[in-house]
Amino acid sequence: MFVSYIVRVEKNLIELFKGNLPLYKSYWIYYVLVNFLISAPLLLVTKIHIQKFIYSFSMYLVLNLIYYFTSCIGVWRSSQKYKGNKLLSFLARLIVVIGISTTILELKTILTIIYSI
C-alpha cells in the first residue's frame, strides 16, 4: 500500500515537471499548497536549531529547493500549454518569476546565517 502511494506521488511529480497537469492543479496544489507545507517548518527554525542540526537542516533545505524548483518548472510548462485565458497563464509565470527571485534572496540570507555560525 505504501509503495503504491510512493509510485503515485512519483508519477504525479513527473507529470508536474513535464507540465502535463492542468494549470490550476500545478499552481494551487503543487506550487502553493505543497510548497507551503514543506516550507512551514523553516519558519520555526531558529539560529540555535540550525547550529545543533546543521547537516540535517542543510539536507532539508536542499530537498526543499529541489521540490520548489520542480514545482516552478511544472507551473511554467503548464502555463505554456494552458488553452484558457492568457492572462491567467501570464500571471502564473509572473508569480513563478517573483517567487524564484525572492527565494534566491532568502537563500542568500539563510546561507549567511549558516556560515556565520
Protein backbone atom coordinates (compact mmCIF):
# COMPACT_ATOMS: atom_id res chain seq x y z
CA MET A 1 0.00 0.00 0.00
CA PHE A 2 2.77 2.45 0.95
CA VAL A 3 4.76 1.52 -2.16
CA SER A 4 1.79 2.20 -4.42
CA TYR A 5 1.37 5.61 -2.78
CA ILE A 6 5.05 6.43 -3.40
CA VAL A 7 4.72 5.32 -7.04
CA ARG A 8 1.65 7.53 -7.47
CA VAL A 9 3.43 10.54 -5.94
CA GLU A 10 6.43 9.92 -8.19
CA LYS A 11 4.20 9.76 -11.29
CA ASN A 12 2.46 12.99 -10.28
CA LEU A 13 5.81 14.75 -9.78
CA ILE A 14 6.99 13.59 -13.20
CA GLU A 15 3.74 14.83 -14.77
CA LEU A 16 4.14 18.11 -12.88
CA PHE A 17 7.71 18.54 -14.14
CA LYS A 18 6.66 17.82 -17.73
CA GLY A 19 3.84 20.37 -17.46
CA ASN A 20 1.20 17.74 -18.19
CA LEU A 21 -1.01 18.68 -15.23
CA PRO A 22 -3.74 21.29 -15.61
CA LEU A 23 -2.57 24.78 -14.69
CA TYR A 24 -4.92 25.09 -11.70
CA LYS A 25 -3.61 21.83 -10.24
CA SER A 26 0.08 22.52 -10.81
CA TYR A 27 -0.27 26.06 -9.43
CA TRP A 28 -2.66 25.74 -6.49
CA ILE A 29 -1.86 22.24 -5.28
CA TYR A 30 1.81 21.70 -6.09
CA TYR A 31 3.18 25.24 -6.17
CA VAL A 32 1.14 26.92 -3.43
CA LEU A 33 -0.14 24.24 -1.03
CA VAL A 34 2.65 21.64 -1.08
CA ASN A 35 5.39 24.28 -1.07
CA PHE A 36 3.74 25.90 1.94
CA LEU A 37 3.51 22.59 3.78
CA ILE A 38 7.12 21.73 3.00
CA SER A 39 8.43 25.19 3.88
CA ALA A 40 6.38 25.77 7.03
CA PRO A 41 8.93 24.12 9.36
CA LEU A 42 11.54 26.62 8.14
CA LEU A 43 9.50 29.36 9.82
CA LEU A 44 10.04 27.65 13.18
CA VAL A 45 13.80 27.22 12.86
CA THR A 46 15.99 29.44 14.98
CA LYS A 47 19.71 30.07 14.80
CA ILE A 48 20.24 27.70 17.76
CA HIS A 49 18.39 24.90 15.97
CA ILE A 50 20.49 25.44 12.87
CA GLN A 51 23.67 25.18 14.95
CA LYS A 52 22.59 21.89 16.52
CA PHE A 53 21.34 20.27 13.35
CA ILE A 54 23.41 21.89 10.61
CA TYR A 55 23.65 18.78 8.40
CA SER A 56 20.00 17.81 8.77
CA PHE A 57 18.96 21.40 8.12
CA SER A 58 21.18 21.58 5.05
CA MET A 59 19.72 18.35 3.64
CA TYR A 60 16.18 19.57 4.34
CA LEU A 61 16.96 22.86 2.63
CA VAL A 62 18.37 21.13 -0.45
CA LEU A 63 15.35 18.81 -0.76
CA ASN A 64 13.03 21.76 -0.24
CA LEU A 65 14.74 23.70 -3.02
CA ILE A 66 14.68 20.72 -5.39
CA TYR A 67 10.93 20.39 -4.90
CA TYR A 68 10.40 24.15 -5.17
CA PHE A 69 12.21 24.45 -8.50
CA THR A 70 10.42 21.33 -9.78
CA SER A 71 7.09 22.96 -8.99
CA CYS A 72 8.22 26.22 -10.63
CA ILE A 73 9.16 24.38 -13.82
CA GLY A 74 5.86 22.48 -13.72
CA VAL A 75 3.77 25.64 -13.37
CA TRP A 76 5.76 27.35 -16.13
CA ARG A 77 5.28 24.44 -18.53
CA SER A 78 1.60 24.02 -17.60
CA SER A 79 1.02 27.71 -18.23
CA GLN A 80 2.57 27.38 -21.69
CA LYS A 81 0.17 24.54 -22.53
CA TYR A 82 -2.85 26.30 -20.98
CA LYS A 83 -5.62 26.90 -23.54
CA GLY A 84 -7.79 29.19 -21.41
CA ASN A 85 -7.46 32.85 -20.51
CA LYS A 86 -3.98 34.08 -21.50
CA LEU A 87 -3.98 36.47 -18.54
CA LEU A 88 -4.05 33.53 -16.13
CA SER A 89 -1.17 31.93 -17.97
CA PHE A 90 0.83 35.15 -17.81
CA LEU A 91 0.05 35.69 -14.11
CA ALA A 92 1.15 32.16 -13.23
CA ARG A 93 4.51 32.73 -14.93
CA LEU A 94 4.86 36.15 -13.33
CA ILE A 95 4.30 34.67 -9.86
CA VAL A 96 6.90 31.99 -10.59
CA VAL A 97 9.46 34.63 -11.60
CA ILE A 98 8.73 36.71 -8.49
CA GLY A 99 8.86 33.57 -6.33
CA ILE A 100 12.22 32.47 -7.70
CA SER A 101 13.61 35.98 -7.19
CA THR A 102 12.53 36.11 -3.56
CA THR A 103 13.72 32.54 -2.97
CA ILE A 104 17.20 33.44 -4.20
CA LEU A 105 17.28 36.45 -1.86
CA GLU A 106 16.03 34.34 1.08
CA LEU A 107 18.57 31.65 0.27
CA LYS A 108 21.34 34.23 0.41
CA THR A 109 20.15 35.25 3.89
CA ILE A 110 19.92 31.64 5.08
CA LEU A 111 23.39 30.83 3.78
CA THR A 112 24.75 33.92 5.51
CA ILE A 113 23.22 32.71 8.78
CA ILE A 114 24.56 29.19 8.34
CA TYR A 115 28.10 30.26 7.54
CA SER A 116 28.23 32.93 10.25
CA ILE A 117 27.64 30.32 12.96
